[in-house]
Amino acid sequence: MPNPYQNFNKEPEVLKRDLTSLQYQVTQHAATEPPFQNTYWDNKAEGIYVDIVSGEPLFASVHKFDSGSGWPSFYRSIDEHYLQYRSDYELRVPRIEVRSRYADSHLGHVFEDGPAPTGLRFCINSAALKFIDKEDMAAMGYGDLLVLFATGIQK
Protein backbone atom coordinates (compact mmCIF):
# COMPACT_ATOMS: atom_id res chain seq x y z
CA MET A 1 0.00 0.00 0.00
CA PRO A 2 1.51 3.37 -0.98
CA ASN A 3 2.28 5.88 1.75
CA PRO A 4 0.20 9.06 1.23
CA TYR A 5 2.75 11.14 3.13
CA GLN A 6 5.38 10.60 0.46
CA ASN A 7 3.27 12.36 -2.18
CA PHE A 8 4.43 15.92 -1.71
CA ASN A 9 6.80 18.20 -3.55
CA LYS A 10 9.83 19.20 -1.52
CA GLU A 11 11.51 21.23 -4.25
CA PRO A 12 12.80 24.47 -2.65
CA GLU A 13 11.00 26.73 -5.13
CA VAL A 14 7.69 24.95 -4.43
CA LEU A 15 8.17 25.12 -0.66
CA LYS A 16 9.14 28.79 -0.81
CA ARG A 17 5.92 29.44 -2.73
CA ASP A 18 3.66 27.33 -0.51
CA LEU A 19 5.09 28.14 2.94
CA THR A 20 5.54 31.40 4.76
CA SER A 21 9.10 32.59 5.16
CA LEU A 22 9.09 31.49 8.81
CA GLN A 23 7.66 28.05 7.97
CA TYR A 24 10.34 27.59 5.33
CA GLN A 25 13.18 28.69 7.61
CA VAL A 26 11.99 26.46 10.47
CA THR A 27 11.27 23.31 8.46
CA GLN A 28 14.13 23.52 5.95
CA HIS A 29 16.89 25.31 7.89
CA ALA A 30 16.17 24.36 11.52
CA ALA A 31 15.30 27.90 12.59
CA THR A 32 13.39 28.51 15.82
CA GLU A 33 10.39 30.78 16.11
CA PRO A 34 10.02 33.15 19.08
CA PRO A 35 8.43 31.72 22.23
CA PHE A 36 4.93 32.91 23.16
CA GLN A 37 4.63 34.56 19.72
CA ASN A 38 3.61 31.57 17.65
CA THR A 39 0.34 30.12 16.49
CA TYR A 40 -0.13 27.03 18.65
CA TRP A 41 1.70 27.56 21.95
CA ASP A 42 -1.60 28.32 23.69
CA ASN A 43 -3.99 26.38 21.42
CA LYS A 44 -6.48 24.42 23.51
CA ALA A 45 -8.71 23.09 20.71
CA GLU A 46 -9.13 19.34 20.19
CA GLY A 47 -7.42 17.92 17.14
CA ILE A 48 -4.13 16.80 15.69
CA TYR A 49 -1.00 18.54 14.52
CA VAL A 50 0.48 17.45 11.19
CA ASP A 51 3.68 18.28 9.32
CA ILE A 52 3.10 21.54 7.41
CA VAL A 53 5.03 20.12 4.43
CA SER A 54 3.77 16.53 4.09
CA GLY A 55 0.69 16.18 6.30
CA GLU A 56 2.26 13.41 8.39
CA PRO A 57 0.25 13.07 11.64
CA LEU A 58 2.62 14.02 14.44
CA PHE A 59 0.96 15.11 17.69
CA ALA A 60 -2.50 15.20 19.27
CA SER A 61 -4.09 17.74 21.58
CA VAL A 62 -4.76 14.95 24.11
CA HIS A 63 -0.97 14.70 24.63
CA LYS A 64 -0.36 18.47 24.77
CA PHE A 65 0.59 20.21 28.01
CA ASP A 66 1.65 23.68 29.14
CA SER A 67 5.40 23.46 29.64
CA GLY A 68 5.76 27.19 30.23
CA SER A 69 8.30 27.32 27.38
CA GLY A 70 6.16 29.32 24.94
CA TRP A 71 6.11 26.57 22.31
CA PRO A 72 3.60 23.77 21.84
CA SER A 73 4.72 20.86 24.03
CA PHE A 74 3.63 17.24 23.96
CA TYR A 75 4.56 14.30 26.18
CA ARG A 76 4.33 11.84 23.27
CA SER A 77 3.76 11.65 19.54
CA ILE A 78 0.81 10.04 17.78
CA ASP A 79 3.08 7.41 16.21
CA GLU A 80 6.87 7.20 16.53
CA HIS A 81 6.98 5.95 12.94
CA TYR A 82 6.50 9.52 11.73
CA LEU A 83 9.46 10.92 13.67
CA GLN A 84 13.21 10.72 13.38
CA TYR A 85 15.84 11.96 15.81
CA ARG A 86 19.27 13.52 15.38
CA SER A 87 21.92 14.67 17.81
CA ASP A 88 22.16 18.46 17.86
CA TYR A 89 25.17 20.30 19.32
CA GLU A 90 24.36 23.72 17.85
CA LEU A 91 24.07 25.36 21.30
CA ARG A 92 27.10 23.43 22.67
CA VAL A 93 24.72 21.55 24.92
CA PRO A 94 23.69 18.19 23.50
CA ARG A 95 20.07 18.13 22.41
CA ILE A 96 17.92 15.74 20.40
CA GLU A 97 16.42 17.28 17.28
CA VAL A 98 13.02 15.99 16.16
CA ARG A 99 12.30 15.75 12.43
CA SER A 100 9.38 14.34 10.46
CA ARG A 101 10.05 10.99 8.81
CA TYR A 102 8.99 11.59 5.20
CA ALA A 103 9.32 15.34 4.69
CA ASP A 104 12.43 15.51 6.90
CA SER A 105 11.08 18.78 8.29
CA HIS A 106 12.77 20.21 11.36
CA LEU A 107 10.09 20.22 14.07
CA GLY A 108 11.92 21.11 17.28
CA HIS A 109 13.58 19.14 20.07
CA VAL A 110 12.72 16.51 22.66
CA PHE A 111 13.83 16.77 26.29
CA GLU A 112 13.61 14.40 29.25
CA ASP A 113 11.92 16.88 31.60
CA GLY A 114 8.29 16.27 30.67
CA PRO A 115 5.35 14.94 32.65
CA ALA A 116 4.22 11.37 33.25
CA PRO A 117 3.62 8.95 31.75
CA THR A 118 6.63 9.39 29.41
CA GLY A 119 8.79 12.01 31.11
CA LEU A 120 9.33 13.54 27.66
CA ARG A 121 8.75 17.07 26.43
CA PHE A 122 8.52 17.45 22.68
CA CYS A 123 9.09 21.19 22.26
CA ILE A 124 7.83 21.90 18.74
CA ASN A 125 7.77 24.97 16.50
CA SER A 126 4.24 26.01 15.51
CA ALA A 127 5.63 27.01 12.11
CA ALA A 128 6.35 23.32 11.37
CA LEU A 129 2.77 22.30 12.10
CA LYS A 130 -0.73 22.53 10.70
CA PHE A 131 -3.59 22.00 13.13
CA ILE A 132 -6.51 19.82 12.05
CA ASP A 133 -9.58 20.39 14.20
CA LYS A 134 -11.17 17.21 15.57
CA GLU A 135 -14.39 17.92 13.65
CA ASP A 136 -12.46 18.11 10.36
CA MET A 137 -10.23 15.08 10.81
CA ALA A 138 -12.41 12.51 9.01
CA ALA A 139 -13.05 14.77 6.03
CA MET A 140 -9.32 15.47 5.72
CA GLY A 141 -8.33 11.80 5.76
CA TYR A 142 -7.39 11.42 9.43
CA GLY A 143 -10.57 9.68 10.61
CA ASP A 144 -8.64 6.64 11.85
CA LEU A 145 -7.05 8.90 14.48
CA LEU A 146 -10.36 9.92 16.04
CA VAL A 147 -9.88 6.98 18.41
CA LEU A 148 -7.38 9.24 20.25
CA PHE A 149 -10.35 11.26 21.51
CA ALA A 150 -12.58 8.36 22.58
CA THR A 151 -13.29 8.27 26.30
CA GLY A 152 -11.67 5.41 28.12
CA ILE A 153 -8.80 5.12 25.64
CA GLN A 154 -5.35 5.21 27.23
CA LYS A 155 -3.71 8.50 26.31
C-alpha atoms as a PDB file:
ATOM      1  CA  MET A   1       0.000   0.000   0.000  1.00  0.00           C
ATOM      2  CA  PRO A   2       1.508   3.375  -0.981  1.00  0.00           C
ATOM      3  CA  ASN A   3       2.281   5.879   1.747  1.00  0.00           C
ATOM      4  CA  PRO A   4       0.198   9.055   1.233  1.00  0.00           C
ATOM      5  CA  TYR A   5       2.747  11.145   3.127  1.00  0.00           C
ATOM      6  CA  GLN A   6       5.376  10.595   0.458  1.00  0.00           C
ATOM      7  CA  ASN A   7       3.271  12.358  -2.179  1.00  0.00           C
ATOM      8  CA  PHE A   8       4.428  15.920  -1.710  1.00  0.00           C
ATOM      9  CA  ASN A   9       6.798  18.203  -3.550  1.00  0.00           C
ATOM     10  CA  LYS A  10       9.829  19.197  -1.523  1.00  0.00           C
ATOM     11  CA  GLU A  11      11.506  21.228  -4.245  1.00  0.00           C
ATOM     12  CA  PRO A  12      12.804  24.468  -2.653  1.00  0.00           C
ATOM     13  CA  GLU A  13      10.996  26.726  -5.128  1.00  0.00           C
ATOM     14  CA  VAL A  14       7.689  24.948  -4.428  1.00  0.00           C
ATOM     15  CA  LEU A  15       8.168  25.115  -0.658  1.00  0.00           C
ATOM     16  CA  LYS A  16       9.143  28.793  -0.812  1.00  0.00           C
ATOM     17  CA  ARG A  17       5.923  29.440  -2.733  1.00  0.00           C
ATOM     18  CA  ASP A  18       3.658  27.326  -0.509  1.00  0.00           C
ATOM     19  CA  LEU A  19       5.093  28.135   2.941  1.00  0.00           C
ATOM     20  CA  THR A  20       5.538  31.405   4.763  1.00  0.00           C
ATOM     21  CA  SER A  21       9.103  32.590   5.157  1.00  0.00           C
ATOM     22  CA  LEU A  22       9.093  31.485   8.806  1.00  0.00           C
ATOM     23  CA  GLN A  23       7.664  28.046   7.973  1.00  0.00           C
ATOM     24  CA  TYR A  24      10.337  27.589   5.326  1.00  0.00           C
ATOM     25  CA  GLN A  25      13.177  28.686   7.607  1.00  0.00           C
ATOM     26  CA  VAL A  26      11.993  26.462  10.466  1.00  0.00           C
ATOM     27  CA  THR A  27      11.273  23.309   8.459  1.00  0.00           C
ATOM     28  CA  GLN A  28      14.132  23.515   5.952  1.00  0.00           C
ATOM     29  CA  HIS A  29      16.888  25.314   7.885  1.00  0.00           C
ATOM     30  CA  ALA A  30      16.166  24.364  11.522  1.00  0.00           C
ATOM     31  CA  ALA A  31      15.301  27.903  12.589  1.00  0.00           C
ATOM     32  CA  THR A  32      13.394  28.506  15.820  1.00  0.00           C
ATOM     33  CA  GLU A  33      10.390  30.778  16.108  1.00  0.00           C
ATOM     34  CA  PRO A  34      10.022  33.147  19.077  1.00  0.00           C
ATOM     35  CA  PRO A  35       8.428  31.722  22.229  1.00  0.00           C
ATOM     36  CA  PHE A  36       4.934  32.915  23.162  1.00  0.00           C
ATOM     37  CA  GLN A  37       4.633  34.557  19.721  1.00  0.00           C
ATOM     38  CA  ASN A  38       3.607  31.565  17.650  1.00  0.00           C
ATOM     39  CA  THR A  39       0.338  30.120  16.486  1.00  0.00           C
ATOM     40  CA  TYR A  40      -0.135  27.032  18.649  1.00  0.00           C
ATOM     41  CA  TRP A  41       1.700  27.564  21.946  1.00  0.00           C
ATOM     42  CA  ASP A  42      -1.603  28.324  23.688  1.00  0.00           C
ATOM     43  CA  ASN A  43      -3.992  26.385  21.423  1.00  0.00           C
ATOM     44  CA  LYS A  44      -6.478  24.423  23.513  1.00  0.00           C
ATOM     45  CA  ALA A  45      -8.714  23.092  20.711  1.00  0.00           C
ATOM     46  CA  GLU A  46      -9.126  19.344  20.188  1.00  0.00           C
ATOM     47  CA  GLY A  47      -7.425  17.919  17.142  1.00  0.00           C
ATOM     48  CA  ILE A  48      -4.133  16.805  15.687  1.00  0.00           C
ATOM     49  CA  TYR A  49      -0.997  18.542  14.524  1.00  0.00           C
ATOM     50  CA  VAL A  50       0.478  17.445  11.191  1.00  0.00           C
ATOM     51  CA  ASP A  51       3.679  18.284   9.325  1.00  0.00           C
ATOM     52  CA  ILE A  52       3.099  21.540   7.411  1.00  0.00           C
ATOM     53  CA  VAL A  53       5.026  20.116   4.428  1.00  0.00           C
ATOM     54  CA  SER A  54       3.767  16.533   4.092  1.00  0.00           C
ATOM     55  CA  GLY A  55       0.690  16.184   6.297  1.00  0.00           C
ATOM     56  CA  GLU A  56       2.256  13.406   8.386  1.00  0.00           C
ATOM     57  CA  PRO A  57       0.249  13.074  11.638  1.00  0.00           C
ATOM     58  CA  LEU A  58       2.623  14.024  14.444  1.00  0.00           C
ATOM     59  CA  PHE A  59       0.960  15.108  17.688  1.00  0.00           C
ATOM     60  CA  ALA A  60      -2.503  15.201  19.269  1.00  0.00           C
ATOM     61  CA  SER A  61      -4.087  17.739  21.585  1.00  0.00           C
ATOM     62  CA  VAL A  62      -4.760  14.952  24.113  1.00  0.00           C
ATOM     63  CA  HIS A  63      -0.974  14.702  24.627  1.00  0.00           C
ATOM     64  CA  LYS A  64      -0.357  18.465  24.773  1.00  0.00           C
ATOM     65  CA  PHE A  65       0.587  20.210  28.011  1.00  0.00           C
ATOM     66  CA  ASP A  66       1.650  23.680  29.136  1.00  0.00           C
ATOM     67  CA  SER A  67       5.397  23.456  29.641  1.00  0.00           C
ATOM     68  CA  GLY A  68       5.759  27.195  30.226  1.00  0.00           C
ATOM     69  CA  SER A  69       8.298  27.317  27.382  1.00  0.00           C
ATOM     70  CA  GLY A  70       6.164  29.322  24.940  1.00  0.00           C
ATOM     71  CA  TRP A  71       6.110  26.568  22.314  1.00  0.00           C
ATOM     72  CA  PRO A  72       3.600  23.769  21.841  1.00  0.00           C
ATOM     73  CA  SER A  73       4.719  20.860  24.034  1.00  0.00           C
ATOM     74  CA  PHE A  74       3.628  17.238  23.956  1.00  0.00           C
ATOM     75  CA  TYR A  75       4.560  14.299  26.180  1.00  0.00           C
ATOM     76  CA  ARG A  76       4.326  11.845  23.266  1.00  0.00           C
ATOM     77  CA  SER A  77       3.764  11.655  19.539  1.00  0.00           C
ATOM     78  CA  ILE A  78       0.814  10.038  17.781  1.00  0.00           C
ATOM     79  CA  ASP A  79       3.080   7.410  16.213  1.00  0.00           C
ATOM     80  CA  GLU A  80       6.869   7.196  16.529  1.00  0.00           C
ATOM     81  CA  HIS A  81       6.979   5.947  12.941  1.00  0.00           C
ATOM     82  CA  TYR A  82       6.505   9.521  11.725  1.00  0.00           C
ATOM     83  CA  LEU A  83       9.465  10.917  13.671  1.00  0.00           C
ATOM     84  CA  GLN A  84      13.213  10.717  13.377  1.00  0.00           C
ATOM     85  CA  TYR A  85      15.837  11.958  15.807  1.00  0.00           C
ATOM     86  CA  ARG A  86      19.270  13.517  15.379  1.00  0.00           C
ATOM     87  CA  SER A  87      21.919  14.671  17.805  1.00  0.00           C
ATOM     88  CA  ASP A  88      22.163  18.456  17.863  1.00  0.00           C
ATOM     89  CA  TYR A  89      25.168  20.303  19.317  1.00  0.00           C
ATOM     90  CA  GLU A  90      24.364  23.724  17.846  1.00  0.00           C
ATOM     91  CA  LEU A  91      24.073  25.359  21.302  1.00  0.00           C
ATOM     92  CA  ARG A  92      27.101  23.430  22.665  1.00  0.00           C
ATOM     93  CA  VAL A  93      24.716  21.548  24.918  1.00  0.00           C
ATOM     94  CA  PRO A  94      23.690  18.192  23.497  1.00  0.00           C
ATOM     95  CA  ARG A  95      20.069  18.129  22.408  1.00  0.00           C
ATOM     96  CA  ILE A  96      17.924  15.745  20.405  1.00  0.00           C
ATOM     97  CA  GLU A  97      16.424  17.281  17.280  1.00  0.00           C
ATOM     98  CA  VAL A  98      13.020  15.986  16.161  1.00  0.00           C
ATOM     99  CA  ARG A  99      12.297  15.753  12.432  1.00  0.00           C
ATOM    100  CA  SER A 100       9.381  14.336  10.458  1.00  0.00           C
ATOM    101  CA  ARG A 101      10.046  10.985   8.809  1.00  0.00           C
ATOM    102  CA  TYR A 102       8.993  11.591   5.196  1.00  0.00           C
ATOM    103  CA  ALA A 103       9.316  15.345   4.690  1.00  0.00           C
ATOM    104  CA  ASP A 104      12.432  15.509   6.900  1.00  0.00           C
ATOM    105  CA  SER A 105      11.078  18.781   8.292  1.00  0.00           C
ATOM    106  CA  HIS A 106      12.771  20.207  11.359  1.00  0.00           C
ATOM    107  CA  LEU A 107      10.090  20.222  14.066  1.00  0.00           C
ATOM    108  CA  GLY A 108      11.924  21.110  17.284  1.00  0.00           C
ATOM    109  CA  HIS A 109      13.582  19.138  20.074  1.00  0.00           C
ATOM    110  CA  VAL A 110      12.723  16.511  22.661  1.00  0.00           C
ATOM    111  CA  PHE A 111      13.834  16.765  26.290  1.00  0.00           C
ATOM    112  CA  GLU A 112      13.611  14.399  29.253  1.00  0.00           C
ATOM    113  CA  ASP A 113      11.921  16.880  31.598  1.00  0.00           C
ATOM    114  CA  GLY A 114       8.294  16.274  30.671  1.00  0.00           C
ATOM    115  CA  PRO A 115       5.349  14.937  32.648  1.00  0.00           C
ATOM    116  CA  ALA A 116       4.221  11.365  33.249  1.00  0.00           C
ATOM    117  CA  PRO A 117       3.623   8.953  31.754  1.00  0.00           C
ATOM    118  CA  THR A 118       6.626   9.386  29.407  1.00  0.00           C
ATOM    119  CA  GLY A 119       8.786  12.006  31.107  1.00  0.00           C
ATOM    120  CA  LEU A 120       9.328  13.541  27.656  1.00  0.00           C
ATOM    121  CA  ARG A 121       8.754  17.070  26.425  1.00  0.00           C
ATOM    122  CA  PHE A 122       8.525  17.451  22.683  1.00  0.00           C
ATOM    123  CA  CYS A 123       9.089  21.195  22.264  1.00  0.00           C
ATOM    124  CA  ILE A 124       7.828  21.900  18.745  1.00  0.00           C
ATOM    125  CA  ASN A 125       7.766  24.966  16.496  1.00  0.00           C
ATOM    126  CA  SER A 126       4.243  26.008  15.509  1.00  0.00           C
ATOM    127  CA  ALA A 127       5.633  27.005  12.110  1.00  0.00           C
ATOM    128  CA  ALA A 128       6.353  23.323  11.371  1.00  0.00           C
ATOM    129  CA  LEU A 129       2.770  22.304  12.099  1.00  0.00           C
ATOM    130  CA  LYS A 130      -0.727  22.528  10.697  1.00  0.00           C
ATOM    131  CA  PHE A 131      -3.592  22.001  13.132  1.00  0.00           C
ATOM    132  CA  ILE A 132      -6.510  19.818  12.048  1.00  0.00           C
ATOM    133  CA  ASP A 133      -9.581  20.392  14.204  1.00  0.00           C
ATOM    134  CA  LYS A 134     -11.173  17.209  15.569  1.00  0.00           C
ATOM    135  CA  GLU A 135     -14.394  17.917  13.650  1.00  0.00           C
ATOM    136  CA  ASP A 136     -12.458  18.112  10.357  1.00  0.00           C
ATOM    137  CA  MET A 137     -10.227  15.076  10.813  1.00  0.00           C
ATOM    138  CA  ALA A 138     -12.409  12.514   9.013  1.00  0.00           C
ATOM    139  CA  ALA A 139     -13.052  14.770   6.028  1.00  0.00           C
ATOM    140  CA  MET A 140      -9.320  15.466   5.723  1.00  0.00           C
ATOM    141  CA  GLY A 141      -8.325  11.796   5.761  1.00  0.00           C
ATOM    142  CA  TYR A 142      -7.391  11.423   9.427  1.00  0.00           C
ATOM    143  CA  GLY A 143     -10.570   9.676  10.608  1.00  0.00           C
ATOM    144  CA  ASP A 144      -8.640   6.644  11.849  1.00  0.00           C
ATOM    145  CA  LEU A 145      -7.048   8.903  14.483  1.00  0.00           C
ATOM    146  CA  LEU A 146     -10.361   9.918  16.045  1.00  0.00           C
ATOM    147  CA  VAL A 147      -9.876   6.981  18.408  1.00  0.00           C
ATOM    148  CA  LEU A 148      -7.379   9.239  20.249  1.00  0.00           C
ATOM    149  CA  PHE A 149     -10.345  11.258  21.507  1.00  0.00           C
ATOM    150  CA  ALA A 150     -12.576   8.358  22.575  1.00  0.00           C
ATOM    151  CA  THR A 151     -13.286   8.265  26.302  1.00  0.00           C
ATOM    152  CA  GLY A 152     -11.674   5.406  28.125  1.00  0.00           C
ATOM    153  CA  ILE A 153      -8.803   5.121  25.635  1.00  0.00           C
ATOM    154  CA  GLN A 154      -5.354   5.211  27.227  1.00  0.00           C
ATOM    155  CA  LYS A 155      -3.705   8.503  26.306  1.00  0.00           C
END
